[in-house]
Amino acid sequence: MGSPTKFGDITVGQQNCKVFGRLIRLWDAKNKYAKTTDSLLSIDGVLLAEDGAMVQITIPKKVEKQFCPLLSLGSVYMLTDVSDVHATYKKFIYHHQSYMLQFKTSSKVHLMQSRGASIPRFAFDFSQFDQLPSKDNQSKPLLDLIGVISYVDPYDCASPTSQYKLRKIHIRNQDEQTQEINLWGEDGETFDESAVLSKSDGKIVVCVFAGLTIGKYLDKLEASSSSATKIYIDMEIPKVEQYKKSYQWEVPVLCQQQP
């Protein structure tokens, strides 16, 4: 089958890339402004290589039925004949590289049964809170945040006149800085508030929010959920364990808020 190309060695514009890695993220990329029920744009994901590098993959809507049945979250694959497309000006994607890998009808998916066991099942590129203003740009890149949950709002309408619902979450970092996160729609409704409250009895609850975007509303910098958002509460990974051990501030007191 030949050797795959390392993500860092791929140059923008290559049309027949061969890559190897574990599929650690997979989501439906949707147009949130679509006026029809069919809002799907593509199926997107993140591939993690043996050297720790990551790259976003994208399956255009026109070929999603060809490839989606072949992909399973957490599995290791060799992908051949995928195209490298420039990512600089594309919105709501991860910018792990200057490109993303796009499937086409001639692409091939090979499930690897005996290789790649050492590749972790999770990986994140966490942004520091003080770096977030630089992420508020035209491309609206996806980003990952980690922090101690310090406040959980009820799931309710965004405003008295709004038809859209959200849940506001506050997280605190190790420098005792606080960042507000807006979980819109299903992300806010399905957030496991009861699990957080039960875990918070005298202990900190560390939460990972993957696939957020950053923007300003009324001159206030806010993180918001997207179609790529995935939420992990008290994950059993080294980064979360390290976070818990090094957190030196007072444990936030969490209680159920009324709408």
Protein backbone atom coordinates (compact mmCIF):
# COMPACT_ATOMS: atom_id res chain seq x y z
CA MET A 1 0.00 0.00 0.00
CA GLY A 2 3.03 2.27 0.39
CA SER A 3 3.92 4.79 3.06
CA PRO A 4 1.54 7.63 3.94
CA THR A 5 2.60 11.25 3.88
CA LYS A 6 3.02 13.08 7.18
CA PHE A 7 0.50 15.88 7.64
CA GLY A 8 3.29 18.44 7.94
CA ASP A 9 4.79 17.39 4.61
CA ILE A 10 1.61 17.87 2.59
CA THR A 11 1.57 20.99 0.43
CA VAL A 12 -1.53 22.90 -0.52
CA GLY A 13 -3.01 21.70 -3.79
CA GLN A 14 -2.02 18.04 -3.74
CA GLN A 15 -4.73 15.93 -5.36
CA ASN A 16 -3.77 12.35 -4.46
CA CYS A 17 -2.77 12.37 -0.80
CA LYS A 18 -2.30 9.18 1.20
CA VAL A 19 -2.63 9.66 4.96
CA PHE A 20 -2.88 7.49 8.06
CA GLY A 21 -4.45 8.18 11.44
CA ARG A 22 -7.22 7.64 13.96
CA LEU A 23 -10.59 9.31 13.43
CA ILE A 24 -11.06 11.15 16.73
CA ARG A 25 -13.91 13.50 15.77
CA LEU A 26 -16.83 13.25 13.36
CA TRP A 27 -19.79 15.60 12.91
CA ASP A 28 -22.41 16.89 10.50
CA ALA A 29 -21.36 20.32 9.27
CA LYS A 30 -24.59 22.26 8.85
CA ASN A 31 -25.68 25.65 7.59
CA LYS A 32 -27.37 27.16 10.61
CA TYR A 33 -28.93 29.85 8.41
CA ALA A 34 -30.56 27.37 6.01
CA LYS A 35 -34.24 28.01 5.36
CA THR A 36 -34.93 24.35 4.54
CA THR A 37 -34.76 21.23 6.70
CA ASP A 38 -31.85 19.94 4.60
CA SER A 39 -29.05 22.03 6.13
CA LEU A 40 -26.21 19.51 5.70
CA LEU A 41 -23.11 20.90 3.99
CA SER A 42 -20.66 18.06 4.56
CA ILE A 43 -19.50 15.41 7.03
CA ASP A 44 -16.37 16.66 8.76
CA GLY A 45 -13.92 15.12 11.17
CA VAL A 46 -10.44 15.20 12.67
CA LEU A 47 -7.70 12.68 11.95
CA LEU A 48 -4.90 12.17 14.51
CA ALA A 49 -1.54 10.86 13.29
CA GLU A 50 1.03 8.75 15.14
CA ASP A 51 3.24 11.81 15.67
CA GLY A 52 0.40 13.76 17.33
CA ALA A 53 -0.39 15.97 14.34
CA MET A 54 -4.03 16.59 13.48
CA VAL A 55 -5.88 17.52 10.31
CA GLN A 56 -9.50 18.17 9.45
CA ILE A 57 -11.16 15.96 6.87
CA THR A 58 -14.30 16.80 4.95
CA ILE A 59 -16.72 14.64 2.97
CA PRO A 60 -18.80 16.77 0.59
CA LYS A 61 -22.54 16.19 0.69
CA LYS A 62 -22.55 14.71 -2.81
CA VAL A 63 -20.35 11.75 -1.74
CA GLU A 64 -21.39 11.37 1.91
CA LYS A 65 -23.51 8.28 1.21
CA GLN A 66 -20.48 6.65 -0.42
CA PHE A 67 -18.10 7.15 2.49
CA CYS A 68 -20.04 7.62 5.73
CA PRO A 69 -20.87 3.89 6.09
CA LEU A 70 -17.13 3.18 5.89
CA LEU A 71 -16.10 5.45 8.76
CA SER A 72 -16.43 4.75 12.47
CA LEU A 73 -15.39 7.14 15.22
CA GLY A 74 -12.26 5.92 17.00
CA SER A 75 -11.06 3.59 14.24
CA VAL A 76 -7.71 3.83 12.45
CA TYR A 77 -7.62 4.31 8.68
CA MET A 78 -5.38 4.67 5.67
CA LEU A 79 -7.02 7.16 3.32
CA THR A 80 -5.84 7.31 -0.28
CA ASP A 81 -6.50 9.66 -3.17
CA VAL A 82 -7.90 12.47 -1.02
CA SER A 83 -7.42 16.08 -2.09
CA ASP A 84 -5.72 18.83 -0.16
CA VAL A 85 -7.82 22.01 -0.28
CA HIS A 86 -6.81 25.42 1.04
CA ALA A 87 -8.40 26.14 4.41
CA THR A 88 -7.36 29.72 5.12
CA TYR A 89 -10.62 31.34 4.06
CA LYS A 90 -13.04 28.57 5.02
CA LYS A 91 -15.23 29.23 8.04
CA PHE A 92 -16.05 27.05 11.03
CA ILE A 93 -13.25 24.53 10.59
CA TYR A 94 -10.18 23.57 12.60
CA HIS A 95 -6.98 25.19 11.41
CA HIS A 96 -4.57 22.47 12.56
CA GLN A 97 -2.99 22.78 9.11
CA SER A 98 -3.22 25.34 6.31
CA TYR A 99 -5.34 22.85 4.42
CA MET A 100 -8.00 20.19 4.99
CA LEU A 101 -8.34 16.83 3.28
CA GLN A 102 -11.37 16.43 1.03
CA PHE A 103 -12.85 13.16 -0.16
CA LYS A 104 -13.76 12.63 -3.81
CA THR A 105 -15.43 9.77 -5.66
CA SER A 106 -12.07 8.06 -6.34
CA SER A 107 -10.92 8.22 -2.69
CA LYS A 108 -10.39 4.96 -0.83
CA VAL A 109 -10.89 4.11 2.86
CA HIS A 110 -8.82 1.26 4.32
CA LEU A 111 -9.59 0.14 7.89
CA MET A 112 -6.33 -0.73 9.70
CA GLN A 113 -6.74 -3.64 12.10
CA SER A 114 -3.14 -4.21 13.23
CA ARG A 115 -1.61 -0.74 13.14
CA GLY A 116 -2.15 2.47 15.05
CA ALA A 117 -2.92 1.03 18.49
CA SER A 118 -0.61 3.61 20.08
CA ILE A 119 -2.57 6.58 18.69
CA PRO A 120 -4.72 8.12 21.48
CA ARG A 121 -8.48 8.14 21.11
CA PHE A 122 -8.68 11.81 22.12
CA ALA A 123 -6.58 14.87 21.35
CA PHE A 124 -7.29 18.58 21.67
CA ASP A 125 -5.58 21.84 20.82
CA PHE A 126 -6.67 23.97 23.77
CA SER A 127 -6.75 27.75 23.38
CA GLN A 128 -5.75 29.96 26.28
CA PHE A 129 -8.43 32.38 27.42
CA ASP A 130 -6.22 35.41 26.76
CA GLN A 131 -5.68 34.21 23.17
CA LEU A 132 -9.39 34.21 22.33
CA PRO A 133 -9.60 37.81 21.03
CA SER A 134 -7.21 36.84 18.21
CA LYS A 135 -9.58 33.99 17.25
CA ASP A 136 -12.41 36.45 16.60
CA ASN A 137 -11.67 36.87 12.91
CA GLN A 138 -13.39 36.37 9.57
CA SER A 139 -12.62 32.66 9.30
CA LYS A 140 -14.28 31.87 12.67
CA PRO A 141 -11.99 28.89 13.35
CA LEU A 142 -13.13 26.04 15.56
CA LEU A 143 -11.33 25.81 18.87
CA ASP A 144 -11.22 23.75 22.05
CA LEU A 145 -11.48 25.05 25.62
CA ILE A 146 -10.91 23.41 28.99
CA GLY A 147 -11.84 24.76 32.39
CA VAL A 148 -13.49 24.28 35.75
CA ILE A 149 -17.25 24.79 35.60
CA SER A 150 -18.11 27.73 37.85
CA TYR A 151 -21.70 28.51 36.79
CA VAL A 152 -24.49 26.74 34.91
CA ASP A 153 -27.51 28.67 33.63
CA PRO A 154 -30.86 26.99 32.93
CA TYR A 155 -31.79 26.19 29.34
CA ASP A 156 -34.02 29.10 28.32
CA CYS A 157 -34.75 31.66 25.61
CA ALA A 158 -31.84 33.90 24.68
CA SER A 159 -34.01 36.94 25.43
CA PRO A 160 -37.70 37.68 26.16
CA THR A 161 -38.27 38.35 22.46
CA SER A 162 -36.13 35.55 21.04
CA GLN A 163 -37.35 32.20 19.72
CA TYR A 164 -33.86 30.70 20.11
CA LYS A 165 -32.86 28.89 23.28
CA LEU A 166 -29.47 28.52 24.92
CA ARG A 167 -27.69 27.63 28.12
CA LYS A 168 -24.86 29.81 29.43
CA ILE A 169 -21.90 28.09 31.08
CA HIS A 170 -19.00 29.77 32.87
CA ILE A 171 -15.64 28.03 33.08
CA ARG A 172 -12.57 29.14 35.04
CA ASN A 173 -8.97 28.44 34.15
CA GLN A 174 -5.90 27.92 36.32
CA ASP A 175 -5.21 31.67 36.32
CA GLU A 176 -8.73 32.25 37.74
CA GLN A 177 -9.89 33.86 34.51
CA THR A 178 -13.51 33.20 33.54
CA GLN A 179 -14.92 32.56 30.08
CA GLU A 180 -18.60 32.44 29.18
CA ILE A 181 -19.82 29.77 26.75
CA ASN A 182 -23.19 29.84 24.98
CA LEU A 183 -24.57 26.38 24.28
CA TRP A 184 -27.25 26.86 21.63
CA GLY A 185 -30.19 24.58 20.83
CA GLU A 186 -29.55 20.88 21.28
CA ASP A 187 -26.13 21.47 22.89
CA GLY A 188 -27.75 23.51 25.66
CA GLU A 189 -30.75 21.25 26.05
CA THR A 190 -28.74 18.02 26.35
CA PHE A 191 -25.98 19.41 28.59
CA ASP A 192 -25.96 17.07 31.60
CA GLU A 193 -26.57 19.61 34.35
CA SER A 194 -27.55 16.94 36.90
CA ALA A 195 -24.26 15.07 36.37
CA VAL A 196 -22.28 18.27 36.87
CA LEU A 197 -24.15 19.15 40.05
CA SER A 198 -23.71 15.65 41.51
CA LYS A 199 -19.99 15.66 40.75
CA SER A 200 -19.48 19.15 42.19
CA ASP A 201 -20.11 18.30 45.84
CA GLY A 202 -16.87 19.70 47.28
CA LYS A 203 -14.96 18.94 44.10
CA ILE A 204 -14.12 20.76 40.91
CA VAL A 205 -15.68 19.58 37.65
CA VAL A 206 -13.37 19.94 34.64
CA CYS A 207 -15.11 20.23 31.29
CA VAL A 208 -13.72 20.06 27.76
CA PHE A 209 -15.65 21.95 25.09
CA ALA A 210 -14.50 20.95 21.61
CA GLY A 211 -15.56 22.70 18.40
CA LEU A 212 -16.50 26.15 19.69
CA THR A 213 -16.40 29.48 17.87
CA ILE A 214 -15.59 32.94 19.20
CA GLY A 215 -17.39 36.19 18.52
CA LYS A 216 -18.45 39.49 20.06
CA TYR A 217 -21.98 40.42 21.08
CA LEU A 218 -22.64 43.89 22.51
CA ASP A 219 -18.84 44.30 22.70
CA LYS A 220 -18.52 41.17 24.86
CA LEU A 221 -16.33 38.26 23.74
CA GLU A 222 -18.33 35.02 23.84
CA ALA A 223 -17.62 31.41 22.96
CA SER A 224 -20.50 29.59 21.28
CA SER A 225 -21.36 26.06 20.29
CA SER A 226 -21.48 25.00 16.65
CA SER A 227 -22.51 21.91 14.71
CA ALA A 228 -19.02 20.57 15.54
CA THR A 229 -19.34 20.98 19.31
CA LYS A 230 -18.71 18.01 21.59
CA ILE A 231 -18.74 18.29 25.40
CA TYR A 232 -16.77 16.02 27.73
CA ILE A 233 -17.30 16.16 31.51
CA ASP A 234 -14.44 14.95 33.76
CA MET A 235 -12.72 12.98 31.01
CA GLU A 236 -10.23 10.35 32.08
CA ILE A 237 -7.30 11.78 30.13
CA PRO A 238 -3.92 13.08 31.42
CA LYS A 239 -4.73 16.73 30.66
CA VAL A 240 -7.85 16.68 32.86
CA GLU A 241 -6.05 14.86 35.67
CA GLN A 242 -3.23 17.39 35.50
CA TYR A 243 -5.76 20.22 35.54
CA LYS A 244 -7.39 18.89 38.68
CA LYS A 245 -4.10 18.45 40.52
CA SER A 246 -2.77 21.91 39.64
CA TYR A 247 -5.97 23.91 40.23
CA GLN A 248 -5.33 26.01 43.35
CA TRP A 249 -8.39 28.22 43.62
CA GLU A 250 -11.55 27.88 45.65
CA VAL A 251 -13.94 25.16 44.54
CA PRO A 252 -16.96 26.81 42.84
CA VAL A 253 -20.29 26.21 44.55
CA LEU A 254 -22.76 25.07 41.92
CA CYS A 255 -26.51 24.93 42.39
CA GLN A 256 -29.50 24.51 40.11
CA GLN A 257 -30.66 27.82 38.66
CA GLN A 258 -34.28 28.65 37.92
CA PRO A 259 -35.32 29.85 34.44
